[in-house]
Amino acid sequence: MVVLSAGVGALLGWLTRRYGALPMPGRGTPPPEIRREYRHYAVGAVAIAGVVAVVMWSAGVPAAAVTAFVLVTGGLSLYQVRYERAAATVRERLA
């Protein structure tokens, strides 16, 4: 879990440096395209937590840690791509 947390922290730090700010769900009034990505992120996070819990109960903590690492890394990568696509759509619409 320490390695997973460090990896997620490193990724979030890199995203913040790359984009200048990390979008914070629940703050402000984002455009509809961005709000949709926030909803997908929340649903994905809950789904990942459920999968990790099932793996932990059925296969143990080491398997759950590996599962969490893989799913969280993949989920954040997918979120990054989807968020950038949504942000580009908003920029085009507002330009």
PDB file of N, CA and C in Angstrom:
ATOM      1  N   MET A   1       0.828  -1.196   0.000  1.00  0.00           N
ATOM      2  CA  MET A   1       0.000   0.000   0.000  1.00  0.00           C
ATOM      3  C   MET A   1       0.869   1.256   0.000  1.00  0.00           C
ATOM      4  N   VAL A   2       2.028   1.183   0.660  1.00  0.00           N
ATOM      5  CA  VAL A   2       2.922   2.339   0.682  1.00  0.00           C
ATOM      6  C   VAL A   2       3.425   2.630  -0.736  1.00  0.00           C
ATOM      7  N   VAL A   3       3.799   1.578  -1.465  1.00  0.00           N
ATOM      8  CA  VAL A   3       4.276   1.762  -2.840  1.00  0.00           C
ATOM      9  C   VAL A   3       3.142   2.293  -3.716  1.00  0.00           C
ATOM     10  N   LEU A   4       1.956   1.741  -3.542  1.00  0.00           N
ATOM     11  CA  LEU A   4       0.798   2.211  -4.311  1.00  0.00           C
ATOM     12  C   LEU A   4       0.528   3.684  -4.020  1.00  0.00           C
ATOM     13  N   SER A   5       0.525   4.050  -2.758  1.00  0.00           N
ATOM     14  CA  SER A   5       0.267   5.443  -2.390  1.00  0.00           C
ATOM     15  C   SER A   5       1.342   6.372  -2.939  1.00  0.00           C
ATOM     16  N   ALA A   6       2.590   5.936  -2.875  1.00  0.00           N
ATOM     17  CA  ALA A   6       3.683   6.751  -3.415  1.00  0.00           C
ATOM     18  C   ALA A   6       3.540   6.909  -4.926  1.00  0.00           C
ATOM     19  N   GLY A   7       3.161   5.841  -5.601  1.00  0.00           N
ATOM     20  CA  GLY A   7       2.966   5.916  -7.057  1.00  0.00           C
ATOM     21  C   GLY A   7       1.836   6.853  -7.440  1.00  0.00           C
ATOM     22  N   VAL A   8       0.730   6.754  -6.739  1.00  0.00           N
ATOM     23  CA  VAL A   8      -0.407   7.642  -7.012  1.00  0.00           C
ATOM     24  C   VAL A   8      -0.017   9.092  -6.710  1.00  0.00           C
ATOM     25  N   GLY A   9       0.684   9.302  -5.595  1.00  0.00           N
ATOM     26  CA  GLY A   9       1.145  10.654  -5.258  1.00  0.00           C
ATOM     27  C   GLY A   9       2.069  11.222  -6.316  1.00  0.00           C
ATOM     28  N   ALA A  10       2.975  10.382  -6.821  1.00  0.00           N
ATOM     29  CA  ALA A  10       3.896  10.825  -7.875  1.00  0.00           C
ATOM     30  C   ALA A  10       3.125  11.180  -9.146  1.00  0.00           C
ATOM     31  N   LEU A  11       2.158  10.351  -9.512  1.00  0.00           N
ATOM     32  CA  LEU A  11       1.365  10.626 -10.709  1.00  0.00           C
ATOM     33  C   LEU A  11       0.569  11.918 -10.550  1.00  0.00           C
ATOM     34  N   LEU A  12      -0.065  12.104  -9.408  1.00  0.00           N
ATOM     35  CA  LEU A  12      -0.837  13.331  -9.197  1.00  0.00           C
ATOM     36  C   LEU A  12       0.063  14.558  -9.179  1.00  0.00           C
ATOM     37  N   GLY A  13       1.254  14.436  -8.608  1.00  0.00           N
ATOM     38  CA  GLY A  13       2.213  15.541  -8.633  1.00  0.00           C
ATOM     39  C   GLY A  13       2.629  15.880 -10.053  1.00  0.00           C
ATOM     40  N   TRP A  14       2.887  14.843 -10.861  1.00  0.00           N
ATOM     41  CA  TRP A  14       3.270  15.065 -12.258  1.00  0.00           C
ATOM     42  C   TRP A  14       2.123  15.733 -13.023  1.00  0.00           C
ATOM     43  N   LEU A  15       0.888  15.258 -12.804  1.00  0.00           N
ATOM     44  CA  LEU A  15      -0.255  15.866 -13.486  1.00  0.00           C
ATOM     45  C   LEU A  15      -0.412  17.335 -13.100  1.00  0.00           C
ATOM     46  N   THR A  16      -0.205  17.637 -11.835  1.00  0.00           N
ATOM     47  CA  THR A  16      -0.312  19.022 -11.373  1.00  0.00           C
ATOM     48  C   THR A  16       0.749  19.889 -12.038  1.00  0.00           C
ATOM     49  N   ARG A  17       1.981  19.390 -12.108  1.00  0.00           N
ATOM     50  CA  ARG A  17       3.051  20.157 -12.765  1.00  0.00           C
ATOM     51  C   ARG A  17       2.784  20.307 -14.258  1.00  0.00           C
ATOM     52  N   ARG A  18       2.290  19.262 -14.891  1.00  0.00           N
ATOM     53  CA  ARG A  18       2.068  19.293 -16.335  1.00  0.00           C
ATOM     54  C   ARG A  18       0.967  20.274 -16.729  1.00  0.00           C
ATOM     55  N   TYR A  19      -0.118  20.265 -15.990  1.00  0.00           N
ATOM     56  CA  TYR A  19      -1.270  21.085 -16.359  1.00  0.00           C
ATOM     57  C   TYR A  19      -1.383  22.374 -15.550  1.00  0.00           C
ATOM     58  N   GLY A  20      -0.508  22.571 -14.586  1.00  0.00           N
ATOM     59  CA  GLY A  20      -0.525  23.796 -13.808  1.00  0.00           C
ATOM     60  C   GLY A  20      -1.472  23.753 -12.623  1.00  0.00           C
ATOM     61  N   ALA A  21      -2.435  22.873 -12.642  1.00  0.00           N
ATOM     62  CA  ALA A  21      -3.371  22.706 -11.530  1.00  0.00           C
ATOM     63  C   ALA A  21      -4.061  21.369 -11.703  1.00  0.00           C
ATOM     64  N   LEU A  22      -4.404  20.768 -10.610  1.00  0.00           N
ATOM     65  CA  LEU A  22      -5.124  19.507 -10.665  1.00  0.00           C
ATOM     66  C   LEU A  22      -6.608  19.799 -10.506  1.00  0.00           C
ATOM     67  N   PRO A  23      -7.427  19.374 -11.460  1.00  0.00           N
ATOM     68  CA  PRO A  23      -8.869  19.615 -11.336  1.00  0.00           C
ATOM     69  C   PRO A  23      -9.399  18.975 -10.054  1.00  0.00           C
ATOM     70  N   MET A  24     -10.228  19.704  -9.362  1.00  0.00           N
ATOM     71  CA  MET A  24     -10.766  19.218  -8.089  1.00  0.00           C
ATOM     72  C   MET A  24     -12.279  19.045  -8.203  1.00  0.00           C
ATOM     73  N   PRO A  25     -12.739  17.808  -8.328  1.00  0.00           N
ATOM     74  CA  PRO A  25     -14.192  17.593  -8.361  1.00  0.00           C
ATOM     75  C   PRO A  25     -14.845  18.161  -7.109  1.00  0.00           C
ATOM     76  N   GLY A  26     -16.017  18.752  -7.296  1.00  0.00           N
ATOM     77  CA  GLY A  26     -16.756  19.307  -6.171  1.00  0.00           C
ATOM     78  C   GLY A  26     -16.490  20.779  -5.932  1.00  0.00           C
ATOM     79  N   ARG A  27     -15.556  21.342  -6.684  1.00  0.00           N
ATOM     80  CA  ARG A  27     -15.259  22.770  -6.527  1.00  0.00           C
ATOM     81  C   ARG A  27     -15.679  23.506  -7.793  1.00  0.00           C
ATOM     82  N   GLY A  28     -16.365  24.597  -7.609  1.00  0.00           N
ATOM     83  CA  GLY A  28     -16.762  25.403  -8.752  1.00  0.00           C
ATOM     84  C   GLY A  28     -17.877  24.754  -9.553  1.00  0.00           C
ATOM     85  N   THR A  29     -18.099  25.289 -10.735  1.00  0.00           N
ATOM     86  CA  THR A  29     -19.127  24.777 -11.636  1.00  0.00           C
ATOM     87  C   THR A  29     -18.468  24.422 -12.963  1.00  0.00           C
ATOM     88  N   PRO A  30     -18.019  23.189 -13.113  1.00  0.00           N
ATOM     89  CA  PRO A  30     -17.344  22.813 -14.345  1.00  0.00           C
ATOM     90  C   PRO A  30     -18.327  22.694 -15.507  1.00  0.00           C
ATOM     91  N   PRO A  31     -17.820  22.803 -16.719  1.00  0.00           N
ATOM     92  CA  PRO A  31     -18.683  22.605 -17.888  1.00  0.00           C
ATOM     93  C   PRO A  31     -19.233  21.171 -17.903  1.00  0.00           C
ATOM     94  N   PRO A  32     -20.313  20.953 -18.640  1.00  0.00           N
ATOM     95  CA  PRO A  32     -20.940  19.618 -18.659  1.00  0.00           C
ATOM     96  C   PRO A  32     -19.982  18.504 -19.082  1.00  0.00           C
ATOM     97  N   GLU A  33     -19.102  18.799 -20.029  1.00  0.00           N
ATOM     98  CA  GLU A  33     -18.159  17.778 -20.496  1.00  0.00           C
ATOM     99  C   GLU A  33     -17.240  17.324 -19.363  1.00  0.00           C
ATOM    100  N   ILE A  34     -16.824  18.264 -18.542  1.00  0.00           N
ATOM    101  CA  ILE A  34     -15.927  17.951 -17.431  1.00  0.00           C
ATOM    102  C   ILE A  34     -16.706  17.274 -16.300  1.00  0.00           C
ATOM    103  N   ARG A  35     -17.904  17.742 -16.046  1.00  0.00           N
ATOM    104  CA  ARG A  35     -18.745  17.116 -15.009  1.00  0.00           C
ATOM    105  C   ARG A  35     -18.964  15.641 -15.306  1.00  0.00           C
ATOM    106  N   ARG A  36     -19.165  15.315 -16.571  1.00  0.00           N
ATOM    107  CA  ARG A  36     -19.362  13.912 -16.966  1.00  0.00           C
ATOM    108  C   ARG A  36     -18.125  13.076 -16.622  1.00  0.00           C
ATOM    109  N   GLU A  37     -16.943  13.634 -16.858  1.00  0.00           N
ATOM    110  CA  GLU A  37     -15.715  12.904 -16.531  1.00  0.00           C
ATOM    111  C   GLU A  37     -15.555  12.739 -15.029  1.00  0.00           C
ATOM    112  N   TYR A  38     -15.973  13.730 -14.256  1.00  0.00           N
ATOM    113  CA  TYR A  38     -15.939  13.602 -12.800  1.00  0.00           C
ATOM    114  C   TYR A  38     -16.847  12.457 -12.349  1.00  0.00           C
ATOM    115  N   ARG A  39     -18.036  12.354 -12.949  1.00  0.00           N
ATOM    116  CA  ARG A  39     -18.952  11.263 -12.595  1.00  0.00           C
ATOM    117  C   ARG A  39     -18.347   9.911 -12.944  1.00  0.00           C
ATOM    118  N   HIS A  40     -17.754   9.812 -14.142  1.00  0.00           N
ATOM    119  CA  HIS A  40     -17.118   8.550 -14.545  1.00  0.00           C
ATOM    120  C   HIS A  40     -15.992   8.188 -13.580  1.00  0.00           C
ATOM    121  N   TYR A  41     -15.234   9.189 -13.162  1.00  0.00           N
ATOM    122  CA  TYR A  41     -14.144   8.958 -12.219  1.00  0.00           C
ATOM    123  C   TYR A  41     -14.690   8.403 -10.902  1.00  0.00           C
ATOM    124  N   ALA A  42     -15.747   9.006 -10.384  1.00  0.00           N
ATOM    125  CA  ALA A  42     -16.324   8.563  -9.109  1.00  0.00           C
ATOM    126  C   ALA A  42     -16.861   7.140  -9.217  1.00  0.00           C
ATOM    127  N   VAL A  43     -17.564   6.840 -10.298  1.00  0.00           N
ATOM    128  CA  VAL A  43     -18.092   5.486 -10.486  1.00  0.00           C
ATOM    129  C   VAL A  43     -16.938   4.491 -10.602  1.00  0.00           C
ATOM    130  N   GLY A  44     -15.909   4.857 -11.327  1.00  0.00           N
ATOM    131  CA  GLY A  44     -14.744   3.985 -11.466  1.00  0.00           C
ATOM    132  C   GLY A  44     -14.044   3.746 -10.144  1.00  0.00           C
ATOM    133  N   ALA A  45     -13.918   4.781  -9.341  1.00  0.00           N
ATOM    134  CA  ALA A  45     -13.260   4.634  -8.036  1.00  0.00           C
ATOM    135  C   ALA A  45     -14.045   3.680  -7.132  1.00  0.00           C
ATOM    136  N   VAL A  46     -15.357   3.799  -7.141  1.00  0.00           N
ATOM    137  CA  VAL A  46     -16.183   2.905  -6.329  1.00  0.00           C
ATOM    138  C   VAL A  46     -16.082   1.472  -6.849  1.00  0.00           C
ATOM    139  N   ALA A  47     -16.091   1.316  -8.168  1.00  0.00           N
ATOM    140  CA  ALA A  47     -15.973  -0.021  -8.758  1.00  0.00           C
ATOM    141  C   ALA A  47     -14.621  -0.650  -8.418  1.00  0.00           C
ATOM    142  N   ILE A  48     -13.561   0.134  -8.505  1.00  0.00           N
ATOM    143  CA  ILE A  48     -12.230  -0.380  -8.167  1.00  0.00           C
ATOM    144  C   ILE A  48     -12.184  -0.793  -6.703  1.00  0.00           C
ATOM    145  N   ALA A  49     -12.736   0.021  -5.829  1.00  0.00           N
ATOM    146  CA  ALA A  49     -12.754  -0.332  -4.399  1.00  0.00           C
ATOM    147  C   ALA A  49     -13.492  -1.648  -4.183  1.00  0.00           C
ATOM    148  N   GLY A  50     -14.593  -1.841  -4.879  1.00  0.00           N
ATOM    149  CA  GLY A  50     -15.339  -3.097  -4.761  1.00  0.00           C
ATOM    150  C   GLY A  50     -14.544  -4.290  -5.241  1.00  0.00           C
ATOM    151  N   VAL A  51     -13.909  -4.149  -6.393  1.00  0.00           N
ATOM    152  CA  VAL A  51     -13.096  -5.246  -6.939  1.00  0.00           C
ATOM    153  C   VAL A  51     -11.944  -5.575  -5.990  1.00  0.00           C
ATOM    154  N   VAL A  52     -11.266  -4.552  -5.494  1.00  0.00           N
ATOM    155  CA  VAL A  52     -10.151  -4.780  -4.575  1.00  0.00           C
ATOM    156  C   VAL A  52     -10.632  -5.471  -3.300  1.00  0.00           C
ATOM    157  N   ALA A  53     -11.781  -5.082  -2.789  1.00  0.00           N
ATOM    158  CA  ALA A  53     -12.323  -5.722  -1.583  1.00  0.00           C
ATOM    159  C   ALA A  53     -12.613  -7.200  -1.841  1.00  0.00           C
ATOM    160  N   VAL A  54     -13.211  -7.508  -2.978  1.00  0.00           N
ATOM    161  CA  VAL A  54     -13.515  -8.906  -3.309  1.00  0.00           C
ATOM    162  C   VAL A  54     -12.220  -9.711  -3.448  1.00  0.00           C
ATOM    163  N   VAL A  55     -11.233  -9.147  -4.119  1.00  0.00           N
ATOM    164  CA  VAL A  55      -9.954  -9.842  -4.271  1.00  0.00           C
ATOM    165  C   VAL A  55      -9.294 -10.047  -2.912  1.00  0.00           C
ATOM    166  N   MET A  56      -9.365  -9.050  -2.048  1.00  0.00           N
ATOM    167  CA  MET A  56      -8.758  -9.189  -0.724  1.00  0.00           C
ATOM    168  C   MET A  56      -9.413 -10.327   0.058  1.00  0.00           C
ATOM    169  N   TRP A  57     -10.720 -10.390   0.040  1.00  0.00           N
ATOM    170  CA  TRP A  57     -11.417 -11.434   0.795  1.00  0.00           C
ATOM    171  C   TRP A  57     -11.213 -12.815   0.181  1.00  0.00           C
ATOM    172  N   SER A  58     -11.065 -12.882  -1.134  1.00  0.00           N
ATOM    173  CA  SER A  58     -10.957 -14.193  -1.766  1.00  0.00           C
ATOM    174  C   SER A  58      -9.514 -14.646  -1.988  1.00  0.00           C
ATOM    175  N   ALA A  59      -8.576 -13.722  -2.179  1.00  0.00           N
ATOM    176  CA  ALA A  59      -7.208 -14.124  -2.524  1.00  0.00           C
ATOM    177  C   ALA A  59      -6.147 -13.567  -1.582  1.00  0.00           C
ATOM    178  N   GLY A  60      -6.526 -12.692  -0.667  1.00  0.00           N
ATOM    179  CA  GLY A  60      -5.564 -12.176   0.300  1.00  0.00           C
ATOM    180  C   GLY A  60      -5.063 -10.778  -0.021  1.00  0.00           C
ATOM    181  N   VAL A  61      -4.334 -10.246   0.942  1.00  0.00           N
ATOM    182  CA  VAL A  61      -3.861  -8.868   0.854  1.00  0.00           C
ATOM    183  C   VAL A  61      -2.849  -8.650  -0.270  1.00  0.00           C
ATOM    184  N   PRO A  62      -1.847  -9.537  -0.464  1.00  0.00           N
ATOM    185  CA  PRO A  62      -0.894  -9.287  -1.557  1.00  0.00           C
ATOM    186  C   PRO A  62      -1.578  -9.192  -2.927  1.00  0.00           C
ATOM    187  N   ALA A  63      -2.518 -10.090  -3.184  1.00  0.00           N
ATOM    188  CA  ALA A  63      -3.236 -10.046  -4.461  1.00  0.00           C
ATOM    189  C   ALA A  63      -4.064  -8.769  -4.570  1.00  0.00           C
ATOM    190  N   ALA A  64      -4.653  -8.332  -3.453  1.00  0.00           N
ATOM    191  CA  ALA A  64      -5.442  -7.098  -3.465  1.00  0.00           C
ATOM    192  C   ALA A  64      -4.556  -5.890  -3.733  1.00  0.00           C
ATOM    193  N   ALA A  65      -3.354  -5.881  -3.171  1.00  0.00           N
ATOM    194  CA  ALA A  65      -2.433  -4.761  -3.405  1.00  0.00           C
ATOM    195  C   ALA A  65      -2.040  -4.677  -4.875  1.00  0.00           C
ATOM    196  N   VAL A  66      -1.744  -5.817  -5.479  1.00  0.00           N
ATOM    197  CA  VAL A  66      -1.396  -5.843  -6.903  1.00  0.00           C
ATOM    198  C   VAL A  66      -2.594  -5.405  -7.738  1.00  0.00           C
ATOM    199  N   THR A  67      -3.762  -5.919  -7.407  1.00  0.00           N
ATOM    200  CA  THR A  67      -4.980  -5.543  -8.121  1.00  0.00           C
ATOM    201  C   THR A  67      -5.231  -4.046  -8.008  1.00  0.00           C
ATOM    202  N   ALA A  68      -5.090  -3.503  -6.808  1.00  0.00           N
ATOM    203  CA  ALA A  68      -5.301  -2.070  -6.608  1.00  0.00           C
ATOM    204  C   ALA A  68      -4.313  -1.261  -7.431  1.00  0.00           C
ATOM    205  N   PHE A  69      -3.057  -1.657  -7.422  1.00  0.00           N
ATOM    206  CA  PHE A  69      -2.050  -0.931  -8.184  1.00  0.00           C
ATOM    207  C   PHE A  69      -2.390  -0.916  -9.673  1.00  0.00           C
ATOM    208  N   VAL A  70      -2.699  -2.071 -10.207  1.00  0.00           N
ATOM    209  CA  VAL A  70      -3.004  -2.173 -11.644  1.00  0.00           C
ATOM    210  C   VAL A  70      -4.257  -1.371 -11.994  1.00  0.00           C
ATOM    211  N   LEU A  71      -5.325  -1.548 -11.220  1.00  0.00           N
ATOM    212  CA  LEU A  71      -6.583  -0.870 -11.543  1.00  0.00           C
ATOM    213  C   LEU A  71      -6.496   0.642 -11.339  1.00  0.00           C
ATOM    214  N   VAL A  72      -5.850   1.084 -10.269  1.00  0.00           N
ATOM    215  CA  VAL A  72      -5.746   2.523 -10.018  1.00  0.00           C
ATOM    216  C   VAL A  72      -4.856   3.180 -11.066  1.00  0.00           C
ATOM    217  N   THR A  73      -3.738   2.545 -11.402  1.00  0.00           N
ATOM    218  CA  THR A  73      -2.851   3.106 -12.427  1.00  0.00           C
ATOM    219  C   THR A  73      -3.567   3.191 -13.769  1.00  0.00           C
ATOM    220  N   GLY A  74      -4.228   2.106 -14.144  1.00  0.00           N
ATOM    221  CA  GLY A  74      -4.979   2.119 -15.398  1.00  0.00           C
ATOM    222  C   GLY A  74      -6.120   3.119 -15.383  1.00  0.00           C
ATOM    223  N   GLY A  75      -6.818   3.191 -14.255  1.00  0.00           N
ATOM    224  CA  GLY A  75      -7.934   4.131 -14.137  1.00  0.00           C
ATOM    225  C   GLY A  75      -7.492   5.579 -14.229  1.00  0.00           C
ATOM    226  N   LEU A  76      -6.400   5.915 -13.569  1.00  0.00           N
ATOM    227  CA  LEU A  76      -5.906   7.291 -13.642  1.00  0.00           C
ATOM    228  C   LEU A  76      -5.403   7.629 -15.044  1.00  0.00           C
ATOM    229  N   SER A  77      -4.788   6.659 -15.710  1.00  0.00           N
ATOM    230  CA  SER A  77      -4.341   6.895 -17.087  1.00  0.00           C
ATOM    231  C   SER A  77      -5.535   7.137 -18.005  1.00  0.00           C
ATOM    232  N   LEU A  78      -6.567   6.328 -17.843  1.00  0.00           N
ATOM    233  CA  LEU A  78      -7.776   6.507 -18.640  1.00  0.00           C
ATOM    234  C   LEU A  78      -8.432   7.850 -18.334  1.00  0.00           C
ATOM    235  N   TYR A  79      -8.495   8.201 -17.053  1.00  0.00           N
ATOM    236  CA  TYR A  79      -9.079   9.484 -16.653  1.00  0.00           C
ATOM    237  C   TYR A  79      -8.310  10.645 -17.283  1.00  0.00           C
ATOM    238  N   GLN A  80      -6.998  10.540 -17.292  1.00  0.00           N
ATOM    239  CA  GLN A  80      -6.181  11.603 -17.875  1.00  0.00           C
ATOM    240  C   GLN A  80      -6.516  11.801 -19.350  1.00  0.00           C
ATOM    241  N   VAL A  81      -6.617  10.717 -20.086  1.00  0.00           N
ATOM    242  CA  VAL A  81      -6.926  10.803 -21.521  1.00  0.00           C
ATOM    243  C   VAL A  81      -8.329  11.364 -21.734  1.00  0.00           C
ATOM    244  N   ARG A  82      -9.288  10.839 -20.987  1.00  0.00           N
ATOM    245  CA  ARG A  82     -10.680  11.290 -21.152  1.00  0.00           C
ATOM    246  C   ARG A  82     -10.844  12.743 -20.736  1.00  0.00           C
ATOM    247  N   TYR A  83     -10.162  13.144 -19.648  1.00  0.00           N
ATOM    248  CA  TYR A  83     -10.260  14.523 -19.187  1.00  0.00           C
ATOM    249  C   TYR A  83      -9.659  15.472 -20.216  1.00  0.00           C
ATOM    250  N   GLU A  84      -8.511  15.121 -20.761  1.00  0.00           N
ATOM    251  CA  GLU A  84      -7.878  15.978 -21.770  1.00  0.00           C
ATOM    252  C   GLU A  84      -8.779  16.112 -22.996  1.00  0.00           C
ATOM    253  N   ARG A  85      -9.421  15.028 -23.401  1.00  0.00           N
ATOM    254  CA  ARG A  85     -10.342  15.076 -24.541  1.00  0.00           C
ATOM    255  C   ARG A  85     -11.532  15.983 -24.225  1.00  0.00           C
ATOM    256  N   ALA A  86     -12.072  15.871 -23.021  1.00  0.00           N
ATOM    257  CA  ALA A  86     -13.194  16.725 -22.619  1.00  0.00           C
ATOM    258  C   ALA A  86     -12.761  18.190 -22.548  1.00  0.00           C
ATOM    259  N   ALA A  87     -11.571  18.439 -22.019  1.00  0.00           N
ATOM    260  CA  ALA A  87     -11.070  19.815 -21.937  1.00  0.00           C
ATOM    261  C   ALA A  87     -10.867  20.404 -23.333  1.00  0.00           C
ATOM    262  N   ALA A  88     -10.378  19.605 -24.259  1.00  0.00           N
ATOM    263  CA  ALA A  88     -10.209  20.080 -25.632  1.00  0.00           C
ATOM    264  C   ALA A  88     -11.559  20.437 -26.248  1.00  0.00           C
ATOM    265  N   THR A  89     -12.566  19.623 -25.973  1.00  0.00           N
ATOM    266  CA  THR A  89     -13.920  19.909 -26.476  1.00  0.00           C
ATOM    267  C   THR A  89     -14.432  21.224 -25.905  1.00  0.00           C
ATOM    268  N   VAL A  90     -14.201  21.444 -24.621  1.00  0.00           N
ATOM    269  CA  VAL A  90     -14.650  22.692 -23.997  1.00  0.00           C
ATOM    270  C   VAL A  90     -13.895  23.879 -24.603  1.00  0.00           C
ATOM    271  N   ARG A  91     -12.580  23.734 -24.792  1.00  0.00           N
ATOM    272  CA  ARG A  91     -11.807  24.823 -25.392  1.00  0.00           C
ATOM    273  C   ARG A  91     -12.311  25.160 -26.796  1.00  0.00           C
ATOM    274  N   GLU A  92     -12.618  24.122 -27.590  1.00  0.00           N
ATOM    275  CA  GLU A  92     -13.143  24.356 -28.946  1.00  0.00           C
ATOM    276  C   GLU A  92     -14.491  25.064 -28.888  1.00  0.00           C
ATOM    277  N   ARG A  93     -15.334  24.610 -27.982  1.00  0.00           N
ATOM    278  CA  ARG A  93     -16.679  25.189 -27.882  1.00  0.00           C
ATOM    279  C   ARG A  93     -16.621  26.651 -27.455  1.00  0.00           C
ATOM    280  N   LEU A  94     -15.688  26.989 -26.575  1.00  0.00           N
ATOM    281  CA  LEU A  94     -15.603  28.349 -26.058  1.00  0.00           C
ATOM    282  C   LEU A  94     -14.766  29.279 -26.934  1.00  0.00           C
ATOM    283  N   ALA A  95     -14.036  28.718 -27.873  1.00  0.00           N
ATOM    284  CA  ALA A  95     -13.184  29.557 -28.730  1.00  0.00           C
ATOM    285  C   ALA A  95     -13.953  30.260 -29.818  1.00  0.00           C
TER     286      ALA A  95
END
